[in-house]
Amino acid sequence: MTDKQAVAYLRQAYDQIRGELGKVIVGQDEVIEQLLIGIFARGHCLLEGVPGLAKTLLISTLAKCLDLKFKRIQFTPDLMPSDIVGTEVLQEDPVSKARVFKFLKGPIFANIVLADEINRTPPKTQAALLEAMQEKRVSVGNEVHVLDQPFFVLATQNPIDQEGTYTLPEAQLDRFIFKVFVGYPTDEEEAEIMRRVASPAMAQAEGDVRPVLNGQQIAAFQKLVLRVPVSDQVLDYARALVRATRPNQEDAPDFIKEWISWGAGPRASINLILAGKARAVLHGHFHVTTDDIDAVAVPVLRHRIACSYAAAAENITTDSVVAKLIESIPKDAAADEEG
């Protein structure tokens, strides 16, 4: 199969995945696309939304569609790192009768891990998960254990209930390729949700979800995404977009200097390109356009920049700042910008 044939195959699979998810999930098309982009770009996603918006159901159903092993970890204040990565226990060998340590794997050993309410657990436990995300392996005692592949962490947090929470530091937030906002359903979608949940067909619909891809195919498509070519113009545009978020840059827009306390680092530039490549493939083309970059810019940048007090006083959000940046930077920009 050529690369272009593989792109066409994945485009068709993308439509099928949305169809399978539609048996259970109502709406949330943008969230679904962003999660799939994150998966094919080999990234992890942070989902933020109030309780009751079917975040857990969406992620578990997505795991079924991709035929991946799914585990859910409920983060609580008393959760320990060993509850996530696993622990060594002393067992007696049935043959030699000698006592040996055996490693019992924790829930992190899955393909898709839902870290539910990640901000409810102390930083030490958060760090254990985030290290596994970065390294794709965990260390217990003197042993190193490689995680299952493919491996994705989809973490959630509640934006309204902040009592008893531990805010993720900026360095940890930067490890997520996307911060995805899960919003309320529309009036029509909410009516459809009520009809479905109040009917006996709901349980059957969850059982009717069929796998569209498998782990081996996902790994192949991740390699395909890396091979997608990117023109210098698109690279320059993505770089200009990220550099413009930094208020200490002399040529930063005035509204950035007024509204932003600190801007995005180089990882944002890398993730913009990777996410742009994944989006391009999902939409059926084997090249990245500035439209692809624009489409992923907000979820890539919203958690990597911080609004100033002046912006907060004017109810300016990071989303609106990124949207304004997209409008202000020419698509052929940065050709003469210094690195």
C-alpha atoms as a PDB file:
ATOM      1  CA  MET A   1       0.000   0.000   0.000  1.00  0.00           C
ATOM      2  CA  THR A   2       1.417   3.376  -1.044  1.00  0.00           C
ATOM      3  CA  ASP A   3       1.326   6.370   1.276  1.00  0.00           C
ATOM      4  CA  LYS A   4      -1.494   7.974  -0.694  1.00  0.00           C
ATOM      5  CA  GLN A   5      -3.499   4.757  -0.578  1.00  0.00           C
ATOM      6  CA  ALA A   6      -2.900   4.587   3.177  1.00  0.00           C
ATOM      7  CA  VAL A   7      -4.160   8.167   3.541  1.00  0.00           C
ATOM      8  CA  ALA A   8      -7.328   7.275   1.644  1.00  0.00           C
ATOM      9  CA  TYR A   9      -7.788   4.183   3.830  1.00  0.00           C
ATOM     10  CA  LEU A  10      -7.394   6.193   7.046  1.00  0.00           C
ATOM     11  CA  ARG A  11      -9.790   8.850   5.776  1.00  0.00           C
ATOM     12  CA  GLN A  12     -12.402   6.139   5.265  1.00  0.00           C
ATOM     13  CA  ALA A  13     -11.595   4.611   8.670  1.00  0.00           C
ATOM     14  CA  TYR A  14     -12.034   8.046  10.273  1.00  0.00           C
ATOM     15  CA  ASP A  15     -15.585   8.238   8.937  1.00  0.00           C
ATOM     16  CA  GLN A  16     -16.265   4.703  10.180  1.00  0.00           C
ATOM     17  CA  ILE A  17     -14.910   5.531  13.650  1.00  0.00           C
ATOM     18  CA  ARG A  18     -17.200   8.533  13.888  1.00  0.00           C
ATOM     19  CA  GLY A  19     -20.079   6.329  12.799  1.00  0.00           C
ATOM     20  CA  GLU A  20     -19.329   3.726  15.484  1.00  0.00           C
ATOM     21  CA  LEU A  21     -18.955   6.414  18.148  1.00  0.00           C
ATOM     22  CA  GLY A  22     -22.232   7.936  16.984  1.00  0.00           C
ATOM     23  CA  LYS A  23     -24.034   4.777  18.120  1.00  0.00           C
ATOM     24  CA  VAL A  24     -23.270   5.796  21.714  1.00  0.00           C
ATOM     25  CA  ILE A  25     -22.073   9.417  21.736  1.00  0.00           C
ATOM     26  CA  VAL A  26     -24.246  12.325  20.652  1.00  0.00           C
ATOM     27  CA  GLY A  27     -22.363  15.269  19.140  1.00  0.00           C
ATOM     28  CA  GLN A  28     -18.846  16.116  20.380  1.00  0.00           C
ATOM     29  CA  ASP A  29     -17.511  15.967  16.799  1.00  0.00           C
ATOM     30  CA  GLU A  30     -14.721  18.460  17.485  1.00  0.00           C
ATOM     31  CA  VAL A  31     -13.639  16.608  20.633  1.00  0.00           C
ATOM     32  CA  ILE A  32     -13.564  13.294  18.752  1.00  0.00           C
ATOM     33  CA  GLU A  33     -11.420  14.759  15.982  1.00  0.00           C
ATOM     34  CA  GLN A  34      -8.980  16.296  18.450  1.00  0.00           C
ATOM     35  CA  LEU A  35      -8.610  13.023  20.355  1.00  0.00           C
ATOM     36  CA  LEU A  36      -7.910  11.109  17.139  1.00  0.00           C
ATOM     37  CA  ILE A  37      -5.409  13.735  16.015  1.00  0.00           C
ATOM     38  CA  GLY A  38      -3.667  13.380  19.362  1.00  0.00           C
ATOM     39  CA  ILE A  39      -3.545   9.594  19.037  1.00  0.00           C
ATOM     40  CA  PHE A  40      -2.140   9.556  15.498  1.00  0.00           C
ATOM     41  CA  ALA A  41       0.357  12.295  16.417  1.00  0.00           C
ATOM     42  CA  ARG A  42       1.558  10.117  19.343  1.00  0.00           C
ATOM     43  CA  GLY A  43       0.423  12.663  21.896  1.00  0.00           C
ATOM     44  CA  HIS A  44      -1.554  12.713  25.120  1.00  0.00           C
ATOM     45  CA  CYS A  45      -4.624  14.874  25.707  1.00  0.00           C
ATOM     46  CA  LEU A  46      -5.983  16.769  28.697  1.00  0.00           C
ATOM     47  CA  LEU A  47      -9.782  17.034  28.650  1.00  0.00           C
ATOM     48  CA  GLU A  48     -11.508  19.728  30.652  1.00  0.00           C
ATOM     49  CA  GLY A  49     -15.251  19.771  31.198  1.00  0.00           C
ATOM     50  CA  VAL A  50     -17.898  19.734  33.878  1.00  0.00           C
ATOM     51  CA  PRO A  51     -19.177  16.366  35.166  1.00  0.00           C
ATOM     52  CA  GLY A  52     -21.802  14.509  33.171  1.00  0.00           C
ATOM     53  CA  LEU A  53     -20.588  15.268  29.640  1.00  0.00           C
ATOM     54  CA  ALA A  54     -19.772  11.608  28.835  1.00  0.00           C
ATOM     55  CA  LYS A  55     -15.996  12.024  28.849  1.00  0.00           C
ATOM     56  CA  THR A  56     -15.412   8.556  30.299  1.00  0.00           C
ATOM     57  CA  LEU A  57     -17.978   6.968  27.979  1.00  0.00           C
ATOM     58  CA  LEU A  58     -16.415   8.673  24.966  1.00  0.00           C
ATOM     59  CA  ILE A  59     -12.912   7.472  25.795  1.00  0.00           C
ATOM     60  CA  SER A  60     -13.931   3.891  26.606  1.00  0.00           C
ATOM     61  CA  THR A  61     -15.989   3.701  23.400  1.00  0.00           C
ATOM     62  CA  LEU A  62     -13.076   5.111  21.400  1.00  0.00           C
ATOM     63  CA  ALA A  63     -10.878   2.342  22.820  1.00  0.00           C
ATOM     64  CA  LYS A  64     -13.412  -0.210  21.523  1.00  0.00           C
ATOM     65  CA  CYS A  65     -13.380   1.375  18.068  1.00  0.00           C
ATOM     66  CA  LEU A  66      -9.589   1.156  17.978  1.00  0.00           C
ATOM     67  CA  ASP A  67      -9.501  -2.339  19.526  1.00  0.00           C
ATOM     68  CA  LEU A  68      -7.178  -1.138  22.296  1.00  0.00           C
ATOM     69  CA  LYS A  69      -6.871  -2.201  25.927  1.00  0.00           C
ATOM     70  CA  PHE A  70      -8.504   0.430  28.152  1.00  0.00           C
ATOM     71  CA  LYS A  71      -7.936   1.212  31.825  1.00  0.00           C
ATOM     72  CA  ARG A  72      -9.413   3.928  34.014  1.00  0.00           C
ATOM     73  CA  ILE A  73      -7.630   5.390  37.039  1.00  0.00           C
ATOM     74  CA  GLN A  74      -9.700   7.496  39.435  1.00  0.00           C
ATOM     75  CA  PHE A  75      -7.295  10.013  40.930  1.00  0.00           C
ATOM     76  CA  THR A  76      -7.862  10.727  44.625  1.00  0.00           C
ATOM     77  CA  PRO A  77      -5.819  12.478  47.340  1.00  0.00           C
ATOM     78  CA  ASP A  78      -4.653   9.139  48.777  1.00  0.00           C
ATOM     79  CA  LEU A  79      -3.597   7.593  45.436  1.00  0.00           C
ATOM     80  CA  MET A  80       0.027   6.420  45.507  1.00  0.00           C
ATOM     81  CA  PRO A  81       2.471   6.074  42.574  1.00  0.00           C
ATOM     82  CA  SER A  82       2.469   2.290  43.074  1.00  0.00           C
ATOM     83  CA  ASP A  83      -1.306   2.303  42.534  1.00  0.00           C
ATOM     84  CA  ILE A  84      -0.584   3.531  39.003  1.00  0.00           C
ATOM     85  CA  VAL A  85       2.618   1.830  37.867  1.00  0.00           C
ATOM     86  CA  GLY A  86       2.414  -1.356  39.931  1.00  0.00           C
ATOM     87  CA  THR A  87       4.468  -2.849  42.744  1.00  0.00           C
ATOM     88  CA  GLU A  88       6.750  -5.744  43.621  1.00  0.00           C
ATOM     89  CA  VAL A  89       5.331  -8.393  45.928  1.00  0.00           C
ATOM     90  CA  LEU A  90       7.092 -11.259  47.656  1.00  0.00           C
ATOM     91  CA  GLN A  91       5.876 -14.631  46.416  1.00  0.00           C
ATOM     92  CA  GLU A  92       6.939 -18.216  46.915  1.00  0.00           C
ATOM     93  CA  ASP A  93       8.128 -20.085  43.844  1.00  0.00           C
ATOM     94  CA  PRO A  94       5.916 -23.219  43.531  1.00  0.00           C
ATOM     95  CA  VAL A  95       8.846 -25.361  42.335  1.00  0.00           C
ATOM     96  CA  SER A  96      11.907 -24.243  44.299  1.00  0.00           C
ATOM     97  CA  LYS A  97       9.919 -22.903  47.255  1.00  0.00           C
ATOM     98  CA  ALA A  98      12.251 -19.916  47.233  1.00  0.00           C
ATOM     99  CA  ARG A  99      10.786 -16.509  47.916  1.00  0.00           C
ATOM    100  CA  VAL A 100      11.155 -14.109  45.016  1.00  0.00           C
ATOM    101  CA  PHE A 101       9.877 -10.673  44.162  1.00  0.00           C
ATOM    102  CA  LYS A 102       7.330 -10.544  41.358  1.00  0.00           C
ATOM    103  CA  PHE A 103       6.190  -7.364  39.655  1.00  0.00           C
ATOM    104  CA  LEU A 104       2.435  -6.863  39.510  1.00  0.00           C
ATOM    105  CA  LYS A 105       1.557  -4.443  36.737  1.00  0.00           C
ATOM    106  CA  GLY A 106      -0.575  -1.424  37.527  1.00  0.00           C
ATOM    107  CA  PRO A 107      -3.332   0.076  35.352  1.00  0.00           C
ATOM    108  CA  ILE A 108      -0.774   2.171  33.461  1.00  0.00           C
ATOM    109  CA  PHE A 109      -0.067  -0.994  31.434  1.00  0.00           C
ATOM    110  CA  ALA A 110      -2.805  -0.435  28.882  1.00  0.00           C
ATOM    111  CA  ASN A 111      -3.058   1.179  25.454  1.00  0.00           C
ATOM    112  CA  ILE A 112      -5.490   3.919  26.452  1.00  0.00           C
ATOM    113  CA  VAL A 113      -5.361   5.106  30.053  1.00  0.00           C
ATOM    114  CA  LEU A 114      -8.040   7.439  31.371  1.00  0.00           C
ATOM    115  CA  ALA A 115      -6.587   9.508  34.211  1.00  0.00           C
ATOM    116  CA  ASP A 116      -9.850  10.745  35.693  1.00  0.00           C
ATOM    117  CA  GLU A 117      -9.643  14.011  37.661  1.00  0.00           C
ATOM    118  CA  ILE A 118      -5.858  14.106  37.497  1.00  0.00           C
ATOM    119  CA  ASN A 119      -5.767  17.301  39.561  1.00  0.00           C
ATOM    120  CA  ARG A 120      -7.215  15.529  42.629  1.00  0.00           C
ATOM    121  CA  THR A 121      -4.012  13.690  43.490  1.00  0.00           C
ATOM    122  CA  PRO A 122      -0.778  15.099  45.003  1.00  0.00           C
ATOM    123  CA  PRO A 123       2.150  16.150  42.776  1.00  0.00           C
ATOM    124  CA  LYS A 124       4.205  13.033  43.623  1.00  0.00           C
ATOM    125  CA  THR A 125       1.547  10.767  42.136  1.00  0.00           C
ATOM    126  CA  GLN A 126       0.931  13.112  39.204  1.00  0.00           C
ATOM    127  CA  ALA A 127       4.658  12.985  38.457  1.00  0.00           C
ATOM    128  CA  ALA A 128       4.613   9.169  38.292  1.00  0.00           C
ATOM    129  CA  LEU A 129       1.984   9.284  35.557  1.00  0.00           C
ATOM    130  CA  LEU A 130       3.588  12.154  33.685  1.00  0.00           C
ATOM    131  CA  GLU A 131       6.982  10.441  33.724  1.00  0.00           C
ATOM    132  CA  ALA A 132       5.417   7.327  32.220  1.00  0.00           C
ATOM    133  CA  MET A 133       3.802   9.515  29.547  1.00  0.00           C
ATOM    134  CA  GLN A 134       7.158  10.990  28.606  1.00  0.00           C
ATOM    135  CA  GLU A 135       9.402   7.934  28.854  1.00  0.00           C
ATOM    136  CA  LYS A 136       6.926   5.218  27.758  1.00  0.00           C
ATOM    137  CA  ARG A 137       8.337   3.051  30.545  1.00  0.00           C
ATOM    138  CA  VAL A 138       8.350   2.835  34.339  1.00  0.00           C
ATOM    139  CA  SER A 139      11.053   1.963  36.853  1.00  0.00           C
ATOM    140  CA  VAL A 140      10.228  -0.133  39.907  1.00  0.00           C
ATOM    141  CA  GLY A 141      13.155  -1.056  42.118  1.00  0.00           C
ATOM    142  CA  ASN A 142      16.061  -1.929  39.831  1.00  0.00           C
ATOM    143  CA  GLU A 143      13.841  -3.051  36.975  1.00  0.00           C
ATOM    144  CA  VAL A 144      12.632  -1.056  33.981  1.00  0.00           C
ATOM    145  CA  HIS A 145       9.285  -2.086  32.504  1.00  0.00           C
ATOM    146  CA  VAL A 146       8.325  -0.947  29.000  1.00  0.00           C
ATOM    147  CA  LEU A 147       4.709   0.125  28.593  1.00  0.00           C
ATOM    148  CA  ASP A 148       2.319  -1.403  26.088  1.00  0.00           C
ATOM    149  CA  GLN A 149       2.320   0.183  22.642  1.00  0.00           C
ATOM    150  CA  PRO A 150       0.556   2.150  21.362  1.00  0.00           C
ATOM    151  CA  PHE A 151       0.186   4.130  24.591  1.00  0.00           C
ATOM    152  CA  PHE A 152      -2.025   7.163  25.169  1.00  0.00           C
ATOM    153  CA  VAL A 153      -3.019   9.000  28.322  1.00  0.00           C
ATOM    154  CA  LEU A 154      -6.272  10.927  28.251  1.00  0.00           C
ATOM    155  CA  ALA A 155      -6.524  12.924  31.474  1.00  0.00           C
ATOM    156  CA  THR A 156      -9.578  14.826  32.690  1.00  0.00           C
ATOM    157  CA  GLN A 157     -10.090  17.668  35.104  1.00  0.00           C
ATOM    158  CA  ASN A 158     -13.117  19.570  36.372  1.00  0.00           C
ATOM    159  CA  PRO A 159     -12.860  23.345  35.769  1.00  0.00           C
ATOM    160  CA  ILE A 160     -15.400  24.414  38.391  1.00  0.00           C
ATOM    161  CA  ASP A 161     -14.657  22.396  41.543  1.00  0.00           C
ATOM    162  CA  GLN A 162     -11.187  23.530  42.631  1.00  0.00           C
ATOM    163  CA  GLU A 163     -11.420  22.762  46.361  1.00  0.00           C
ATOM    164  CA  GLY A 164      -8.987  20.035  47.366  1.00  0.00           C
ATOM    165  CA  THR A 165      -7.229  19.961  43.998  1.00  0.00           C
ATOM    166  CA  TYR A 166      -3.564  20.131  43.005  1.00  0.00           C
ATOM    167  CA  THR A 167      -3.078  22.310  39.951  1.00  0.00           C
ATOM    168  CA  LEU A 168      -0.858  20.806  37.282  1.00  0.00           C
ATOM    169  CA  PRO A 169       2.307  22.923  36.906  1.00  0.00           C
ATOM    170  CA  GLU A 170       3.080  24.453  33.534  1.00  0.00           C
ATOM    171  CA  ALA A 171       5.971  22.050  32.894  1.00  0.00           C
ATOM    172  CA  GLN A 172       3.592  19.113  33.270  1.00  0.00           C
ATOM    173  CA  LEU A 173       0.845  20.699  31.177  1.00  0.00           C
ATOM    174  CA  ASP A 174       3.369  21.098  28.366  1.00  0.00           C
ATOM    175  CA  ARG A 175       3.538  17.303  28.025  1.00  0.00           C
ATOM    176  CA  PHE A 176      -0.010  17.172  26.675  1.00  0.00           C
ATOM    177  CA  ILE A 177      -0.231  17.784  22.939  1.00  0.00           C
ATOM    178  CA  PHE A 178      -3.795  19.126  23.311  1.00  0.00           C
ATOM    179  CA  LYS A 179      -5.960  20.621  25.979  1.00  0.00           C
ATOM    180  CA  VAL A 180      -9.469  19.745  24.830  1.00  0.00           C
ATOM    181  CA  PHE A 181     -12.525  21.590  26.086  1.00  0.00           C
ATOM    182  CA  VAL A 182     -15.605  19.368  26.335  1.00  0.00           C
ATOM    183  CA  GLY A 183     -18.604  21.669  26.089  1.00  0.00           C
ATOM    184  CA  TYR A 184     -22.304  21.372  26.747  1.00  0.00           C
ATOM    185  CA  PRO A 185     -24.484  19.727  24.078  1.00  0.00           C
ATOM    186  CA  THR A 186     -26.749  21.808  21.889  1.00  0.00           C
ATOM    187  CA  ASP A 187     -30.483  21.838  22.557  1.00  0.00           C
ATOM    188  CA  GLU A 188     -31.111  19.238  19.849  1.00  0.00           C
ATOM    189  CA  GLU A 189     -28.240  17.048  21.058  1.00  0.00           C
ATOM    190  CA  GLU A 190     -29.468  17.155  24.650  1.00  0.00           C
ATOM    191  CA  ALA A 191     -32.942  16.114  23.526  1.00  0.00           C
ATOM    192  CA  GLU A 192     -31.425  13.167  21.638  1.00  0.00           C
ATOM    193  CA  ILE A 193     -29.359  12.205  24.707  1.00  0.00           C
ATOM    194  CA  MET A 194     -32.507  12.153  26.832  1.00  0.00           C
ATOM    195  CA  ARG A 195     -34.322   9.958  24.305  1.00  0.00           C
ATOM    196  CA  ARG A 196     -31.449   7.486  24.069  1.00  0.00           C
ATOM    197  CA  VAL A 197     -30.665   7.124  27.762  1.00  0.00           C
ATOM    198  CA  ALA A 198     -34.337   6.719  28.643  1.00  0.00           C
ATOM    199  CA  SER A 199     -34.720   3.822  26.203  1.00  0.00           C
ATOM    200  CA  PRO A 200     -33.652   0.155  26.501  1.00  0.00           C
ATOM    201  CA  ALA A 201     -31.668   0.474  23.270  1.00  0.00           C
ATOM    202  CA  MET A 202     -28.790   2.315  24.985  1.00  0.00           C
ATOM    203  CA  ALA A 203     -27.146  -0.776  26.485  1.00  0.00           C
ATOM    204  CA  GLN A 204     -27.493  -2.614  23.187  1.00  0.00           C
ATOM    205  CA  ALA A 205     -25.906   0.317  21.324  1.00  0.00           C
ATOM    206  CA  GLU A 206     -22.819   0.157  23.552  1.00  0.00           C
ATOM    207  CA  GLY A 207     -22.497  -3.542  22.775  1.00  0.00           C
ATOM    208  CA  ASP A 208     -22.918  -2.931  19.043  1.00  0.00           C
ATOM    209  CA  VAL A 209     -19.738  -0.831  18.740  1.00  0.00           C
ATOM    210  CA  ARG A 210     -17.324  -2.627  16.417  1.00  0.00           C
ATOM    211  CA  PRO A 211     -13.541  -2.184  16.052  1.00  0.00           C
ATOM    212  CA  VAL A 212     -12.463  -0.231  12.982  1.00  0.00           C
ATOM    213  CA  LEU A 213      -8.680  -0.317  13.456  1.00  0.00           C
ATOM    214  CA  ASN A 214      -6.261  -2.223  15.682  1.00  0.00           C
ATOM    215  CA  GLY A 215      -3.046  -1.406  17.501  1.00  0.00           C
ATOM    216  CA  GLN A 216      -0.803  -2.620  14.683  1.00  0.00           C
ATOM    217  CA  GLN A 217      -2.608  -0.447  12.134  1.00  0.00           C
ATOM    218  CA  ILE A 218      -2.498   2.564  14.457  1.00  0.00           C
ATOM    219  CA  ALA A 219       1.281   2.173  14.828  1.00  0.00           C
ATOM    220  CA  ALA A 220       1.607   2.043  11.030  1.00  0.00           C
ATOM    221  CA  PHE A 221      -0.516   5.172  10.601  1.00  0.00           C
ATOM    222  CA  GLN A 222       1.562   6.983  13.229  1.00  0.00           C
ATOM    223  CA  LYS A 223       4.622   6.320  11.059  1.00  0.00           C
ATOM    224  CA  LEU A 224       2.649   7.497   8.035  1.00  0.00           C
ATOM    225  CA  VAL A 225       1.889  10.789   9.804  1.00  0.00           C
ATOM    226  CA  LEU A 226       5.609  11.366  10.370  1.00  0.00           C
ATOM    227  CA  ARG A 227       6.235  10.966   6.621  1.00  0.00           C
ATOM    228  CA  VAL A 228       3.763  13.698   5.630  1.00  0.00           C
ATOM    229  CA  PRO A 229       5.777  16.486   3.950  1.00  0.00           C
ATOM    230  CA  VAL A 230       5.593  20.056   5.247  1.00  0.00           C
ATOM    231  CA  SER A 231       6.559  23.042   3.105  1.00  0.00           C
ATOM    232  CA  ASP A 232       8.906  25.749   4.381  1.00  0.00           C
ATOM    233  CA  GLN A 233       6.012  28.219   4.203  1.00  0.00           C
ATOM    234  CA  VAL A 234       3.905  26.139   6.594  1.00  0.00           C
ATOM    235  CA  LEU A 235       6.882  25.581   8.911  1.00  0.00           C
ATOM    236  CA  ASP A 236       7.556  29.317   8.964  1.00  0.00           C
ATOM    237  CA  TYR A 237       3.909  30.075   9.670  1.00  0.00           C
ATOM    238  CA  ALA A 238       3.750  27.630  12.581  1.00  0.00           C
ATOM    239  CA  ARG A 239       6.998  28.993  13.996  1.00  0.00           C
ATOM    240  CA  ALA A 240       5.796  32.587  13.642  1.00  0.00           C
ATOM    241  CA  LEU A 241       2.542  31.707  15.400  1.00  0.00           C
ATOM    242  CA  VAL A 242       4.345  30.246  18.410  1.00  0.00           C
ATOM    243  CA  ARG A 243       7.018  32.943  18.606  1.00  0.00           C
ATOM    244  CA  ALA A 244       4.333  35.624  18.499  1.00  0.00           C
ATOM    245  CA  THR A 245       2.926  34.302  21.797  1.00  0.00           C
ATOM    246  CA  ARG A 246       6.076  35.407  23.650  1.00  0.00           C
ATOM    247  CA  PRO A 247       5.650  38.904  25.107  1.00  0.00           C
ATOM    248  CA  ASN A 248       9.417  39.410  25.502  1.00  0.00           C
ATOM    249  CA  GLN A 249       9.926  39.246  21.726  1.00  0.00           C
ATOM    250  CA  GLU A 250      10.580  42.714  20.323  1.00  0.00           C
ATOM    251  CA  ASP A 251       8.300  42.107  17.353  1.00  0.00           C
ATOM    252  CA  ALA A 252       5.494  40.529  19.404  1.00  0.00           C
ATOM    253  CA  PRO A 253       2.089  42.131  18.727  1.00  0.00           C
ATOM    254  CA  ASP A 254       1.042  44.828  21.186  1.00  0.00           C
ATOM    255  CA  PHE A 255      -1.951  42.808  22.394  1.00  0.00           C
ATOM    256  CA  ILE A 256       0.393  39.933  23.288  1.00  0.00           C
ATOM    257  CA  LYS A 257       2.580  42.233  25.383  1.00  0.00           C
ATOM    258  CA  GLU A 258      -0.528  43.487  27.150  1.00  0.00           C
ATOM    259  CA  TRP A 259      -2.489  40.257  27.603  1.00  0.00           C
ATOM    260  CA  ILE A 260       0.113  37.473  27.933  1.00  0.00           C
ATOM    261  CA  SER A 261       2.428  36.859  30.904  1.00  0.00           C
ATOM    262  CA  TRP A 262       4.492  34.144  29.226  1.00  0.00           C
ATOM    263  CA  GLY A 263       4.337  32.441  25.877  1.00  0.00           C
ATOM    264  CA  ALA A 264       4.723  28.954  24.455  1.00  0.00           C
ATOM    265  CA  GLY A 265       8.024  27.095  24.199  1.00  0.00           C
ATOM    266  CA  PRO A 266       9.546  25.078  21.342  1.00  0.00           C
ATOM    267  CA  ARG A 267       7.474  21.997  22.191  1.00  0.00           C
ATOM    268  CA  ALA A 268       4.440  23.966  21.013  1.00  0.00           C
ATOM    269  CA  SER A 269       6.046  24.435  17.585  1.00  0.00           C
ATOM    270  CA  ILE A 270       6.785  20.713  17.344  1.00  0.00           C
ATOM    271  CA  ASN A 271       3.272  19.755  18.393  1.00  0.00           C
ATOM    272  CA  LEU A 272       1.708  22.222  15.961  1.00  0.00           C
ATOM    273  CA  ILE A 273       3.452  20.471  13.085  1.00  0.00           C
ATOM    274  CA  LEU A 274       2.750  16.939  14.342  1.00  0.00           C
ATOM    275  CA  ALA A 275      -0.918  17.725  14.967  1.00  0.00           C
ATOM    276  CA  GLY A 276      -1.156  19.478  11.600  1.00  0.00           C
ATOM    277  CA  LYS A 277       0.230  16.374   9.892  1.00  0.00           C
ATOM    278  CA  ALA A 278      -2.243  14.096  11.687  1.00  0.00           C
ATOM    279  CA  ARG A 279      -5.167  16.357  10.823  1.00  0.00           C
ATOM    280  CA  ALA A 280      -4.091  16.480   7.175  1.00  0.00           C
ATOM    281  CA  VAL A 281      -4.067  12.679   6.950  1.00  0.00           C
ATOM    282  CA  LEU A 282      -7.431  12.328   8.707  1.00  0.00           C
ATOM    283  CA  HIS A 283      -8.886  14.762   6.177  1.00  0.00           C
ATOM    284  CA  GLY A 284      -7.471  12.806   3.260  1.00  0.00           C
ATOM    285  CA  HIS A 285      -4.499  14.822   2.011  1.00  0.00           C
ATOM    286  CA  PHE A 286      -0.806  13.970   2.165  1.00  0.00           C
ATOM    287  CA  HIS A 287       0.489  17.484   2.764  1.00  0.00           C
ATOM    288  CA  VAL A 288       0.038  20.066   5.509  1.00  0.00           C
ATOM    289  CA  THR A 289      -1.625  23.406   4.849  1.00  0.00           C
ATOM    290  CA  THR A 290      -1.881  26.525   6.987  1.00  0.00           C
ATOM    291  CA  ASP A 291      -5.551  25.613   7.453  1.00  0.00           C
ATOM    292  CA  ASP A 292      -4.412  22.450   9.245  1.00  0.00           C
ATOM    293  CA  ILE A 293      -2.177  24.538  11.519  1.00  0.00           C
ATOM    294  CA  ASP A 294      -4.998  26.997  12.228  1.00  0.00           C
ATOM    295  CA  ALA A 295      -7.373  24.142  13.092  1.00  0.00           C
ATOM    296  CA  VAL A 296      -5.061  22.725  15.775  1.00  0.00           C
ATOM    297  CA  ALA A 297      -3.544  25.982  17.049  1.00  0.00           C
ATOM    298  CA  VAL A 298      -6.048  26.625  19.848  1.00  0.00           C
ATOM    299  CA  PRO A 299      -5.896  23.174  21.528  1.00  0.00           C
ATOM    300  CA  VAL A 300      -2.098  23.121  21.142  1.00  0.00           C
ATOM    301  CA  LEU A 301      -1.521  26.600  22.586  1.00  0.00           C
ATOM    302  CA  ARG A 302      -4.332  27.232  25.096  1.00  0.00           C
ATOM    303  CA  HIS A 303      -2.504  25.509  27.982  1.00  0.00           C
ATOM    304  CA  ARG A 304       0.957  26.756  27.022  1.00  0.00           C
ATOM    305  CA  ILE A 305       0.358  30.479  27.379  1.00  0.00           C
ATOM    306  CA  ALA A 306      -0.827  32.430  30.418  1.00  0.00           C
ATOM    307  CA  CYS A 307      -3.013  35.514  30.425  1.00  0.00           C
ATOM    308  CA  SER A 308      -1.943  38.571  32.403  1.00  0.00           C
ATOM    309  CA  TYR A 309      -4.002  40.280  35.092  1.00  0.00           C
ATOM    310  CA  ALA A 310      -4.944  42.910  32.517  1.00  0.00           C
ATOM    311  CA  ALA A 311      -6.406  40.222  30.258  1.00  0.00           C
ATOM    312  CA  ALA A 312      -8.273  38.625  33.156  1.00  0.00           C
ATOM    313  CA  ALA A 313      -9.781  41.997  34.049  1.00  0.00           C
ATOM    314  CA  GLU A 314     -11.121  42.274  30.492  1.00  0.00           C
ATOM    315  CA  ASN A 315     -12.338  38.637  30.422  1.00  0.00           C
ATOM    316  CA  ILE A 316      -9.784  37.818  27.734  1.00  0.00           C
ATOM    317  CA  THR A 317      -9.085  34.075  27.426  1.00  0.00           C
ATOM    318  CA  THR A 318      -6.149  32.233  25.913  1.00  0.00           C
ATOM    319  CA  ASP A 319      -8.496  30.914  23.217  1.00  0.00           C
ATOM    320  CA  SER A 320      -9.422  34.420  22.110  1.00  0.00           C
ATOM    321  CA  VAL A 321      -5.761  35.468  22.124  1.00  0.00           C
ATOM    322  CA  VAL A 322      -4.791  32.547  19.863  1.00  0.00           C
ATOM    323  CA  ALA A 323      -7.735  33.289  17.562  1.00  0.00           C
ATOM    324  CA  LYS A 324      -6.576  36.901  17.282  1.00  0.00           C
ATOM    325  CA  LEU A 325      -3.035  35.738  16.546  1.00  0.00           C
ATOM    326  CA  ILE A 326      -4.270  33.520  13.725  1.00  0.00           C
ATOM    327  CA  GLU A 327      -5.998  36.529  12.170  1.00  0.00           C
ATOM    328  CA  SER A 328      -2.984  38.818  12.596  1.00  0.00           C
ATOM    329  CA  ILE A 329      -0.181  36.649  11.183  1.00  0.00           C
ATOM    330  CA  PRO A 330       0.050  36.447   7.375  1.00  0.00           C
ATOM    331  CA  LYS A 331       0.086  32.942   5.961  1.00  0.00           C
ATOM    332  CA  ASP A 332       3.415  33.621   4.232  1.00  0.00           C
ATOM    333  CA  ALA A 333       4.880  35.180   7.372  1.00  0.00           C
ATOM    334  CA  ALA A 334       8.190  34.486   9.017  1.00  0.00           C
ATOM    335  CA  ALA A 335      10.175  34.043   5.826  1.00  0.00           C
ATOM    336  CA  ASP A 336      12.512  36.812   6.937  1.00  0.00           C
ATOM    337  CA  GLU A 337      12.239  36.235  10.698  1.00  0.00           C
ATOM    338  CA  GLU A 338      15.409  35.341  12.542  1.00  0.00           C
ATOM    339  CA  GLY A 339      15.541  31.996  14.313  1.00  0.00           C
END
